[in-house]
N, C-alpha and C. Protein backbone atom coordinates (compact mmCIF):
# COMPACT_ATOMS: atom_id res chain seq x y z
N UNK A 1 -39.80 29.58 43.61
CA UNK A 1 -38.86 30.38 42.87
C UNK A 1 -38.11 29.50 41.89
N UNK A 2 -37.83 30.07 40.75
CA UNK A 2 -37.13 29.33 39.71
C UNK A 2 -35.62 29.41 39.86
N UNK A 3 -34.96 28.46 39.28
CA UNK A 3 -33.50 28.45 39.32
C UNK A 3 -32.96 29.38 38.26
N UNK A 4 -31.77 29.84 38.47
CA UNK A 4 -31.10 30.64 37.45
C UNK A 4 -30.58 29.72 36.36
N UNK A 5 -30.64 30.20 35.15
CA UNK A 5 -30.17 29.40 34.03
C UNK A 5 -28.64 29.37 34.03
N UNK A 6 -28.11 28.17 33.84
CA UNK A 6 -26.65 28.06 33.78
C UNK A 6 -26.19 28.40 32.37
N UNK A 7 -25.04 28.93 32.28
CA UNK A 7 -24.48 29.29 30.97
C UNK A 7 -23.53 28.19 30.53
N UNK A 8 -24.11 27.15 30.01
CA UNK A 8 -23.31 26.01 29.54
C UNK A 8 -22.70 26.35 28.18
N UNK A 9 -21.46 26.01 28.04
CA UNK A 9 -20.78 26.24 26.78
C UNK A 9 -21.19 25.16 25.79
N UNK A 10 -21.38 25.52 24.53
CA UNK A 10 -21.71 24.48 23.55
C UNK A 10 -20.50 23.57 23.34
N UNK A 11 -20.74 22.29 23.03
CA UNK A 11 -19.62 21.38 22.83
C UNK A 11 -18.80 21.81 21.60
N UNK A 12 -17.49 21.59 21.64
CA UNK A 12 -16.67 21.98 20.49
C UNK A 12 -17.03 21.14 19.26
N UNK A 13 -16.91 21.75 18.09
CA UNK A 13 -17.21 21.05 16.85
C UNK A 13 -16.13 20.02 16.57
N UNK A 14 -16.56 18.86 16.13
CA UNK A 14 -15.60 17.82 15.79
C UNK A 14 -14.98 18.15 14.45
N UNK A 15 -13.70 18.02 14.39
CA UNK A 15 -12.96 18.33 13.17
C UNK A 15 -12.78 17.04 12.38
N UNK A 16 -13.29 17.02 11.18
CA UNK A 16 -13.14 15.84 10.34
C UNK A 16 -12.12 16.14 9.26
N UNK A 17 -11.11 15.30 9.18
CA UNK A 17 -10.10 15.47 8.15
C UNK A 17 -10.60 14.87 6.85
N UNK A 18 -10.37 15.56 5.76
CA UNK A 18 -10.80 15.10 4.45
C UNK A 18 -9.83 14.06 3.93
N UNK A 19 -10.37 13.06 3.26
CA UNK A 19 -9.54 12.04 2.63
C UNK A 19 -9.09 12.53 1.27
N UNK A 20 -7.97 11.97 0.79
CA UNK A 20 -7.45 12.35 -0.51
C UNK A 20 -8.39 11.90 -1.62
N UNK A 21 -8.39 12.64 -2.73
CA UNK A 21 -9.17 12.26 -3.90
C UNK A 21 -8.30 12.08 -5.13
N UNK A 22 -7.04 12.49 -5.07
CA UNK A 22 -6.09 12.28 -6.16
C UNK A 22 -4.89 11.51 -5.62
N UNK A 23 -4.38 10.57 -6.46
CA UNK A 23 -3.35 9.67 -6.00
C UNK A 23 -2.27 9.51 -7.06
N UNK A 24 -1.20 8.76 -6.73
CA UNK A 24 -0.15 8.50 -7.70
C UNK A 24 -0.49 7.23 -8.47
N UNK A 25 -0.11 7.20 -9.72
CA UNK A 25 -0.43 6.09 -10.62
C UNK A 25 0.50 4.90 -10.35
N UNK A 26 -0.03 3.68 -10.25
CA UNK A 26 0.83 2.51 -10.04
C UNK A 26 1.59 2.10 -11.29
N UNK A 27 1.21 2.60 -12.46
CA UNK A 27 1.86 2.21 -13.71
C UNK A 27 2.94 3.21 -14.14
N UNK A 28 2.58 4.50 -14.20
CA UNK A 28 3.57 5.49 -14.64
C UNK A 28 4.26 6.18 -13.47
N UNK A 29 3.80 5.94 -12.23
CA UNK A 29 4.40 6.48 -11.01
C UNK A 29 4.37 8.01 -10.95
N UNK A 30 3.47 8.62 -11.67
CA UNK A 30 3.34 10.07 -11.67
C UNK A 30 2.44 10.47 -10.50
N UNK A 31 2.91 11.37 -9.65
CA UNK A 31 2.15 11.78 -8.47
C UNK A 31 0.96 12.63 -8.84
N UNK A 32 -0.11 12.50 -8.13
CA UNK A 32 -1.36 13.25 -8.27
C UNK A 32 -1.93 13.20 -9.68
N UNK A 33 -1.83 12.06 -10.34
CA UNK A 33 -2.39 11.95 -11.69
C UNK A 33 -3.63 11.09 -11.75
N UNK A 34 -3.89 10.30 -10.72
CA UNK A 34 -5.06 9.42 -10.71
C UNK A 34 -6.22 10.14 -10.03
N UNK A 35 -7.32 10.24 -10.76
CA UNK A 35 -8.52 10.87 -10.23
C UNK A 35 -9.60 9.80 -10.11
N UNK A 36 -10.28 9.78 -8.98
CA UNK A 36 -11.34 8.80 -8.74
C UNK A 36 -12.70 9.47 -8.88
N UNK A 37 -13.58 8.81 -9.63
CA UNK A 37 -14.93 9.33 -9.81
C UNK A 37 -15.92 8.31 -9.26
N UNK A 38 -16.94 8.79 -8.57
CA UNK A 38 -17.97 7.93 -8.01
C UNK A 38 -19.30 8.24 -8.70
N UNK A 39 -19.86 7.24 -9.37
CA UNK A 39 -21.16 7.39 -10.01
C UNK A 39 -22.19 6.68 -9.14
N UNK A 40 -22.83 7.43 -8.25
CA UNK A 40 -23.77 6.84 -7.30
C UNK A 40 -25.06 6.38 -7.98
N UNK A 41 -25.38 6.96 -9.13
CA UNK A 41 -26.60 6.56 -9.83
C UNK A 41 -26.48 5.13 -10.36
N UNK A 42 -25.33 4.82 -10.95
CA UNK A 42 -25.10 3.48 -11.51
C UNK A 42 -24.27 2.58 -10.61
N UNK A 43 -23.85 3.10 -9.44
CA UNK A 43 -23.03 2.36 -8.46
C UNK A 43 -21.74 1.83 -9.08
N UNK A 44 -21.04 2.72 -9.79
CA UNK A 44 -19.76 2.39 -10.40
C UNK A 44 -18.72 3.41 -9.96
N UNK A 45 -17.56 2.91 -9.55
CA UNK A 45 -16.44 3.78 -9.20
C UNK A 45 -15.33 3.57 -10.21
N UNK A 46 -14.69 4.66 -10.63
CA UNK A 46 -13.66 4.58 -11.64
C UNK A 46 -12.46 5.41 -11.24
N UNK A 47 -11.28 4.82 -11.41
CA UNK A 47 -10.03 5.53 -11.17
C UNK A 47 -9.30 5.61 -12.51
N UNK A 48 -8.93 6.83 -12.92
CA UNK A 48 -8.31 7.04 -14.22
C UNK A 48 -7.05 7.88 -14.05
N UNK A 49 -5.96 7.45 -14.70
CA UNK A 49 -4.72 8.23 -14.70
C UNK A 49 -4.78 9.23 -15.85
N UNK A 50 -4.49 10.47 -15.57
CA UNK A 50 -4.52 11.50 -16.59
C UNK A 50 -3.29 11.50 -17.47
N UNK A 51 -2.22 10.81 -17.08
CA UNK A 51 -0.98 10.79 -17.85
C UNK A 51 -0.95 9.60 -18.81
N UNK A 52 -1.06 8.39 -18.26
CA UNK A 52 -0.93 7.18 -19.09
C UNK A 52 -2.28 6.59 -19.49
N UNK A 53 -3.38 7.18 -19.07
CA UNK A 53 -4.74 6.78 -19.42
C UNK A 53 -5.12 5.38 -18.96
N UNK A 54 -4.41 4.82 -17.96
CA UNK A 54 -4.82 3.55 -17.37
C UNK A 54 -6.06 3.81 -16.53
N UNK A 55 -6.95 2.81 -16.46
CA UNK A 55 -8.16 2.99 -15.69
C UNK A 55 -8.55 1.71 -14.98
N UNK A 56 -9.38 1.85 -13.97
CA UNK A 56 -9.89 0.73 -13.19
C UNK A 56 -11.31 1.06 -12.77
N UNK A 57 -12.22 0.11 -12.96
CA UNK A 57 -13.63 0.30 -12.58
C UNK A 57 -14.04 -0.80 -11.62
N UNK A 58 -14.92 -0.46 -10.70
CA UNK A 58 -15.43 -1.42 -9.74
C UNK A 58 -16.82 -1.00 -9.30
N UNK A 59 -17.55 -1.94 -8.71
CA UNK A 59 -18.85 -1.60 -8.16
C UNK A 59 -18.66 -0.98 -6.78
N UNK A 60 -19.56 -0.07 -6.43
CA UNK A 60 -19.43 0.65 -5.17
C UNK A 60 -20.73 0.56 -4.38
N UNK A 61 -20.68 0.98 -3.14
CA UNK A 61 -21.86 1.11 -2.29
C UNK A 61 -21.99 2.56 -1.86
N UNK A 62 -22.98 2.84 -1.07
CA UNK A 62 -23.20 4.21 -0.60
C UNK A 62 -22.09 4.68 0.33
N UNK A 63 -21.35 3.75 0.93
CA UNK A 63 -20.30 4.12 1.89
C UNK A 63 -18.92 4.20 1.26
N UNK A 64 -18.80 3.90 0.00
CA UNK A 64 -17.50 3.87 -0.67
C UNK A 64 -16.95 5.27 -0.87
N UNK A 65 -15.65 5.43 -0.62
CA UNK A 65 -14.95 6.69 -0.85
C UNK A 65 -13.91 6.49 -1.96
N UNK A 66 -13.28 7.58 -2.38
CA UNK A 66 -12.28 7.52 -3.45
C UNK A 66 -11.09 6.66 -3.05
N UNK A 67 -10.69 6.72 -1.81
CA UNK A 67 -9.54 5.94 -1.35
C UNK A 67 -9.83 4.45 -1.44
N UNK A 68 -11.09 4.05 -1.29
CA UNK A 68 -11.46 2.64 -1.39
C UNK A 68 -11.26 2.12 -2.82
N UNK A 69 -11.62 2.91 -3.80
CA UNK A 69 -11.45 2.51 -5.20
C UNK A 69 -9.97 2.39 -5.52
N UNK A 70 -9.18 3.37 -5.09
CA UNK A 70 -7.74 3.33 -5.35
C UNK A 70 -7.10 2.12 -4.65
N UNK A 71 -7.51 1.83 -3.44
CA UNK A 71 -6.96 0.68 -2.71
C UNK A 71 -7.30 -0.63 -3.40
N UNK A 72 -8.53 -0.75 -3.92
CA UNK A 72 -8.90 -1.96 -4.66
C UNK A 72 -8.05 -2.10 -5.92
N UNK A 73 -7.76 -0.98 -6.58
CA UNK A 73 -6.93 -1.01 -7.79
C UNK A 73 -5.52 -1.50 -7.45
N UNK A 74 -4.95 -0.99 -6.39
CA UNK A 74 -3.61 -1.41 -5.97
C UNK A 74 -3.62 -2.90 -5.60
N UNK A 75 -4.63 -3.34 -4.87
CA UNK A 75 -4.74 -4.75 -4.49
C UNK A 75 -4.86 -5.65 -5.72
N UNK A 76 -5.62 -5.21 -6.71
CA UNK A 76 -5.79 -5.99 -7.94
C UNK A 76 -4.47 -6.06 -8.72
N UNK A 77 -3.72 -4.96 -8.75
CA UNK A 77 -2.41 -4.96 -9.43
C UNK A 77 -1.46 -5.94 -8.74
N UNK A 78 -1.44 -5.94 -7.42
CA UNK A 78 -0.57 -6.86 -6.68
C UNK A 78 -1.00 -8.31 -6.90
N UNK A 79 -2.32 -8.56 -6.95
CA UNK A 79 -2.81 -9.91 -7.16
C UNK A 79 -2.40 -10.43 -8.55
N UNK A 80 -2.52 -9.58 -9.56
CA UNK A 80 -2.13 -9.99 -10.91
C UNK A 80 -0.63 -10.22 -10.99
N UNK A 81 0.16 -9.40 -10.35
CA UNK A 81 1.62 -9.58 -10.36
C UNK A 81 2.01 -10.87 -9.65
N UNK A 82 1.35 -11.22 -8.55
CA UNK A 82 1.65 -12.45 -7.83
C UNK A 82 1.27 -13.68 -8.64
N UNK A 83 0.17 -13.63 -9.40
CA UNK A 83 -0.24 -14.75 -10.23
C UNK A 83 0.78 -14.95 -11.35
N UNK A 84 1.28 -13.87 -11.93
CA UNK A 84 2.28 -13.98 -13.00
C UNK A 84 3.58 -14.54 -12.46
N UNK A 85 3.98 -14.16 -11.26
CA UNK A 85 5.20 -14.67 -10.66
C UNK A 85 5.08 -16.17 -10.35
N UNK A 86 3.94 -16.61 -9.88
CA UNK A 86 3.74 -18.01 -9.55
C UNK A 86 3.68 -18.87 -10.81
N UNK A 87 3.11 -18.36 -11.89
CA UNK A 87 2.97 -19.13 -13.13
C UNK A 87 4.24 -19.21 -13.95
N UNK A 88 5.14 -18.27 -13.78
CA UNK A 88 6.34 -18.24 -14.62
C UNK A 88 7.50 -18.98 -13.99
């Protein structure tokens, strides 16, 4: 004789929170003005401010997200500011 089939509940779906794609500009300090674009064909990521037209470009990989490009831009701004402070 066969066993009765158990009524197992399916596992709950994992909820993934979306990362931000628009950020505040480090130059004009305007909120939600920086938009990040990922060009996977040419492996270039670009962050552009819609208000002051400042931009930053970097090379990307398949795992790169918009927050990574923005973080690199902020790190580069801090690095340039620290070099200017040390030299002056």
